[in-house]
């Protein structure tokens, strides 16, 4: 899994150096992927900007026998010298539902958001560790990441 994450980072870095993009959009919907240690979750994802620098992201993701529902409040900032690329940081709650129980999550995140000007597409990549709580106690997963591929509506 570490090799996949490194490959994705390199691919994004190479792609970003070749792209001209703009970052202003209000709503985007598409596919979200939550991966890393443990299961890989895939499903619908949406991001709604409340202001130019704040957004809410929501995901309903599925894996074998599990469903992950999560939402994030994010602060976005510009990256000097880039067009269309923003950094973001946020936090939010989540719940994993699985056979026999559930797990409540607190998830901080930090990542990058890229909006292309030639196509209505936004890509995101972030690190989103998970602090989970259930009836058996708590656990922490540092090696969790997110990818978003979203169609920009406006």
C-alpha atoms as a PDB file:
ATOM      1  CA  UNK A   1       0.000   0.000   0.000  1.00  0.00           C
ATOM      2  CA  UNK A   2       2.930   2.332   0.696  1.00  0.00           C
ATOM      3  CA  UNK A   3       4.128   1.863  -2.898  1.00  0.00           C
ATOM      4  CA  UNK A   4       0.680   2.793  -4.213  1.00  0.00           C
ATOM      5  CA  UNK A   5       0.624   5.998  -2.148  1.00  0.00           C
ATOM      6  CA  UNK A   6       4.129   6.962  -3.320  1.00  0.00           C
ATOM      7  CA  UNK A   7       3.177   6.229  -6.944  1.00  0.00           C
ATOM      8  CA  UNK A   8       0.038   8.392  -6.644  1.00  0.00           C
ATOM      9  CA  UNK A   9       2.048  11.269  -5.140  1.00  0.00           C
ATOM     10  CA  UNK A  10       4.642  11.094  -7.921  1.00  0.00           C
ATOM     11  CA  UNK A  11       1.941  10.872 -10.587  1.00  0.00           C
ATOM     12  CA  UNK A  12       0.093  13.849  -9.120  1.00  0.00           C
ATOM     13  CA  UNK A  13       3.331  15.846  -8.900  1.00  0.00           C
ATOM     14  CA  UNK A  14       4.228  15.151 -12.517  1.00  0.00           C
ATOM     15  CA  UNK A  15       0.719  15.908 -13.684  1.00  0.00           C
ATOM     16  CA  UNK A  16       0.447  19.112 -11.683  1.00  0.00           C
ATOM     17  CA  UNK A  17       3.645  20.486 -13.169  1.00  0.00           C
ATOM     18  CA  UNK A  18       2.102  20.183 -16.653  1.00  0.00           C
ATOM     19  CA  UNK A  19      -1.395  21.519 -15.987  1.00  0.00           C
ATOM     20  CA  UNK A  20      -2.989  24.940 -16.153  1.00  0.00           C
ATOM     21  CA  UNK A  21      -6.018  25.094 -13.900  1.00  0.00           C
ATOM     22  CA  UNK A  22      -8.362  27.343 -11.948  1.00  0.00           C
ATOM     23  CA  UNK A  23      -9.629  26.652  -8.470  1.00  0.00           C
ATOM     24  CA  UNK A  24     -12.899  28.537  -8.121  1.00  0.00           C
ATOM     25  CA  UNK A  25     -15.937  26.327  -7.933  1.00  0.00           C
ATOM     26  CA  UNK A  26     -18.854  25.965  -5.551  1.00  0.00           C
ATOM     27  CA  UNK A  27     -20.160  22.416  -5.940  1.00  0.00           C
ATOM     28  CA  UNK A  28     -18.606  19.199  -7.188  1.00  0.00           C
ATOM     29  CA  UNK A  29     -19.853  15.595  -7.035  1.00  0.00           C
ATOM     30  CA  UNK A  30     -18.181  12.348  -7.960  1.00  0.00           C
ATOM     31  CA  UNK A  31     -16.174   9.412  -6.691  1.00  0.00           C
ATOM     32  CA  UNK A  32     -14.372   9.245  -3.362  1.00  0.00           C
ATOM     33  CA  UNK A  33     -11.776   6.661  -2.352  1.00  0.00           C
ATOM     34  CA  UNK A  34     -10.544   6.159   1.219  1.00  0.00           C
ATOM     35  CA  UNK A  35      -7.531   3.832   1.313  1.00  0.00           C
ATOM     36  CA  UNK A  36      -4.472   2.849   3.300  1.00  0.00           C
ATOM     37  CA  UNK A  37      -4.111   0.415   6.168  1.00  0.00           C
ATOM     38  CA  UNK A  38      -7.176  -1.815   6.334  1.00  0.00           C
ATOM     39  CA  UNK A  39     -10.003  -1.799   3.820  1.00  0.00           C
ATOM     40  CA  UNK A  40     -10.345   0.379   0.729  1.00  0.00           C
ATOM     41  CA  UNK A  41     -13.671   2.245   0.624  1.00  0.00           C
ATOM     42  CA  UNK A  42     -15.194   3.592  -2.621  1.00  0.00           C
ATOM     43  CA  UNK A  43     -18.412   5.529  -3.240  1.00  0.00           C
ATOM     44  CA  UNK A  44     -20.135   8.853  -3.901  1.00  0.00           C
ATOM     45  CA  UNK A  45     -18.491  12.029  -2.648  1.00  0.00           C
ATOM     46  CA  UNK A  46     -19.440  15.715  -2.768  1.00  0.00           C
ATOM     47  CA  UNK A  47     -17.792  19.019  -1.882  1.00  0.00           C
ATOM     48  CA  UNK A  48     -19.722  22.254  -1.282  1.00  0.00           C
ATOM     49  CA  UNK A  49     -17.918  25.569  -0.798  1.00  0.00           C
ATOM     50  CA  UNK A  50     -19.580  27.806   1.800  1.00  0.00           C
ATOM     51  CA  UNK A  51     -17.133  30.649   1.061  1.00  0.00           C
ATOM     52  CA  UNK A  52     -14.005  30.897  -1.129  1.00  0.00           C
ATOM     53  CA  UNK A  53     -11.895  29.452   1.699  1.00  0.00           C
ATOM     54  CA  UNK A  54     -14.285  27.069   3.514  1.00  0.00           C
ATOM     55  CA  UNK A  55     -15.987  23.906   2.317  1.00  0.00           C
ATOM     56  CA  UNK A  56     -17.927  20.893   3.516  1.00  0.00           C
ATOM     57  CA  UNK A  57     -17.087  17.487   2.071  1.00  0.00           C
ATOM     58  CA  UNK A  58     -19.349  14.449   2.515  1.00  0.00           C
ATOM     59  CA  UNK A  59     -18.758  10.806   1.567  1.00  0.00           C
ATOM     60  CA  UNK A  60     -20.772   7.583   1.675  1.00  0.00           C
ATOM     61  CA  UNK A  61     -18.223   4.886   0.905  1.00  0.00           C
ATOM     62  CA  UNK A  62     -18.466   1.109   0.683  1.00  0.00           C
ATOM     63  CA  UNK A  63     -16.061  -1.794   1.211  1.00  0.00           C
ATOM     64  CA  UNK A  64     -16.587  -5.515   1.618  1.00  0.00           C
ATOM     65  CA  UNK A  65     -19.163  -5.792   4.410  1.00  0.00           C
ATOM     66  CA  UNK A  66     -18.676  -2.187   5.618  1.00  0.00           C
ATOM     67  CA  UNK A  67     -20.078   1.283   4.993  1.00  0.00           C
ATOM     68  CA  UNK A  68     -18.232   4.495   5.896  1.00  0.00           C
ATOM     69  CA  UNK A  69     -20.232   7.715   6.280  1.00  0.00           C
ATOM     70  CA  UNK A  70     -18.175  10.841   6.939  1.00  0.00           C
ATOM     71  CA  UNK A  71     -18.217  14.627   6.642  1.00  0.00           C
ATOM     72  CA  UNK A  72     -15.434  17.201   6.890  1.00  0.00           C
ATOM     73  CA  UNK A  73     -15.264  20.939   7.485  1.00  0.00           C
ATOM     74  CA  UNK A  74     -12.300  22.243   5.484  1.00  0.00           C
ATOM     75  CA  UNK A  75     -10.298  25.468   5.311  1.00  0.00           C
ATOM     76  CA  UNK A  76      -8.708  26.109   1.890  1.00  0.00           C
ATOM     77  CA  UNK A  77      -5.713  28.321   1.139  1.00  0.00           C
ATOM     78  CA  UNK A  78      -3.969  29.389  -2.053  1.00  0.00           C
ATOM     79  CA  UNK A  79      -0.534  28.085  -2.999  1.00  0.00           C
ATOM     80  CA  UNK A  80       1.671  30.934  -4.267  1.00  0.00           C
ATOM     81  CA  UNK A  81       2.746  30.596  -7.881  1.00  0.00           C
ATOM     82  CA  UNK A  82       0.104  28.032  -8.827  1.00  0.00           C
ATOM     83  CA  UNK A  83      -3.113  28.403 -10.748  1.00  0.00           C
ATOM     84  CA  UNK A  84      -5.912  26.122  -9.628  1.00  0.00           C
ATOM     85  CA  UNK A  85      -4.141  24.323  -6.810  1.00  0.00           C
ATOM     86  CA  UNK A  86      -5.168  24.894  -3.186  1.00  0.00           C
ATOM     87  CA  UNK A  87      -4.106  23.263   0.065  1.00  0.00           C
ATOM     88  CA  UNK A  88      -6.698  22.416   2.658  1.00  0.00           C
ATOM     89  CA  UNK A  89      -6.966  21.242   6.242  1.00  0.00           C
ATOM     90  CA  UNK A  90     -10.018  20.120   8.137  1.00  0.00           C
ATOM     91  CA  UNK A  91     -11.647  17.784  10.579  1.00  0.00           C
ATOM     92  CA  UNK A  92     -14.863  15.854  10.789  1.00  0.00           C
ATOM     93  CA  UNK A  93     -16.822  12.957  12.216  1.00  0.00           C
ATOM     94  CA  UNK A  94     -17.423   9.604  10.622  1.00  0.00           C
ATOM     95  CA  UNK A  95     -19.043   6.292  11.357  1.00  0.00           C
ATOM     96  CA  UNK A  96     -18.145   2.867  10.019  1.00  0.00           C
ATOM     97  CA  UNK A  97     -21.037   0.403   9.952  1.00  0.00           C
ATOM     98  CA  UNK A  98     -20.214  -3.283   9.674  1.00  0.00           C
ATOM     99  CA  UNK A  99     -21.667  -6.691  10.494  1.00  0.00           C
ATOM    100  CA  UNK A 100     -22.014  -6.803  14.236  1.00  0.00           C
ATOM    101  CA  UNK A 101     -21.344  -3.194  15.103  1.00  0.00           C
ATOM    102  CA  UNK A 102     -20.161   0.286  14.364  1.00  0.00           C
ATOM    103  CA  UNK A 103     -17.152   2.483  14.958  1.00  0.00           C
ATOM    104  CA  UNK A 104     -17.296   6.262  15.555  1.00  0.00           C
ATOM    105  CA  UNK A 105     -14.401   8.199  13.990  1.00  0.00           C
ATOM    106  CA  UNK A 106     -12.745  11.574  14.439  1.00  0.00           C
ATOM    107  CA  UNK A 107     -10.755  12.418  11.308  1.00  0.00           C
ATOM    108  CA  UNK A 108      -8.355  15.304  10.816  1.00  0.00           C
ATOM    109  CA  UNK A 109      -7.165  15.839   7.244  1.00  0.00           C
ATOM    110  CA  UNK A 110      -4.681  17.816   5.176  1.00  0.00           C
ATOM    111  CA  UNK A 111      -4.434  17.764   1.393  1.00  0.00           C
ATOM    112  CA  UNK A 112      -4.527  19.454  -2.012  1.00  0.00           C
ATOM    113  CA  UNK A 113      -7.425  20.369  -4.316  1.00  0.00           C
ATOM    114  CA  UNK A 114      -6.953  20.960  -8.053  1.00  0.00           C
ATOM    115  CA  UNK A 115      -9.652  22.428 -10.347  1.00  0.00           C
ATOM    116  CA  UNK A 116      -8.957  22.300 -14.104  1.00  0.00           C
ATOM    117  CA  UNK A 117     -10.083  25.149 -16.381  1.00  0.00           C
ATOM    118  CA  UNK A 118     -10.267  23.044 -19.566  1.00  0.00           C
ATOM    119  CA  UNK A 119     -12.699  20.469 -18.177  1.00  0.00           C
ATOM    120  CA  UNK A 120     -15.198  20.610 -15.291  1.00  0.00           C
ATOM    121  CA  UNK A 121     -13.110  18.307 -13.104  1.00  0.00           C
ATOM    122  CA  UNK A 122     -11.667  18.661  -9.603  1.00  0.00           C
ATOM    123  CA  UNK A 123      -9.127  16.253  -8.118  1.00  0.00           C
ATOM    124  CA  UNK A 124      -8.227  15.967  -4.448  1.00  0.00           C
ATOM    125  CA  UNK A 125      -5.626  14.016  -2.504  1.00  0.00           C
ATOM    126  CA  UNK A 126      -5.334  14.059   1.279  1.00  0.00           C
ATOM    127  CA  UNK A 127      -3.987  12.369   4.352  1.00  0.00           C
ATOM    128  CA  UNK A 128      -6.833  11.541   6.733  1.00  0.00           C
ATOM    129  CA  UNK A 129      -5.810   9.520   9.784  1.00  0.00           C
ATOM    130  CA  UNK A 130      -8.641   8.007  11.819  1.00  0.00           C
ATOM    131  CA  UNK A 131      -9.165   7.920  15.565  1.00  0.00           C
ATOM    132  CA  UNK A 132     -11.870   5.306  16.127  1.00  0.00           C
ATOM    133  CA  UNK A 133     -14.059   4.630  19.162  1.00  0.00           C
ATOM    134  CA  UNK A 134     -16.278   1.607  19.789  1.00  0.00           C
ATOM    135  CA  UNK A 135     -17.446  -0.533  22.706  1.00  0.00           C
ATOM    136  CA  UNK A 136     -14.023  -2.192  22.928  1.00  0.00           C
ATOM    137  CA  UNK A 137     -12.051   1.035  23.320  1.00  0.00           C
ATOM    138  CA  UNK A 138     -10.252   3.156  20.758  1.00  0.00           C
ATOM    139  CA  UNK A 139      -7.746   2.734  17.948  1.00  0.00           C
ATOM    140  CA  UNK A 140      -5.698   5.024  15.701  1.00  0.00           C
ATOM    141  CA  UNK A 141      -4.917   4.481  12.016  1.00  0.00           C
ATOM    142  CA  UNK A 142      -2.295   6.924  10.722  1.00  0.00           C
ATOM    143  CA  UNK A 143      -1.903   5.371   7.255  1.00  0.00           C
ATOM    144  CA  UNK A 144      -5.221   6.468   5.697  1.00  0.00           C
ATOM    145  CA  UNK A 145      -5.520   8.588   2.555  1.00  0.00           C
ATOM    146  CA  UNK A 146      -8.273   9.979   0.365  1.00  0.00           C
ATOM    147  CA  UNK A 147      -8.681  10.561  -3.361  1.00  0.00           C
ATOM    148  CA  UNK A 148     -11.519  12.485  -4.949  1.00  0.00           C
ATOM    149  CA  UNK A 149     -12.519  12.632  -8.613  1.00  0.00           C
ATOM    150  CA  UNK A 150     -15.414  15.092  -8.922  1.00  0.00           C
ATOM    151  CA  UNK A 151     -17.443  16.701 -11.694  1.00  0.00           C
ATOM    152  CA  UNK A 152     -17.772  20.446 -11.087  1.00  0.00           C
ATOM    153  CA  UNK A 153     -21.394  21.618 -11.268  1.00  0.00           C
ATOM    154  CA  UNK A 154     -20.799  25.357 -10.709  1.00  0.00           C
END
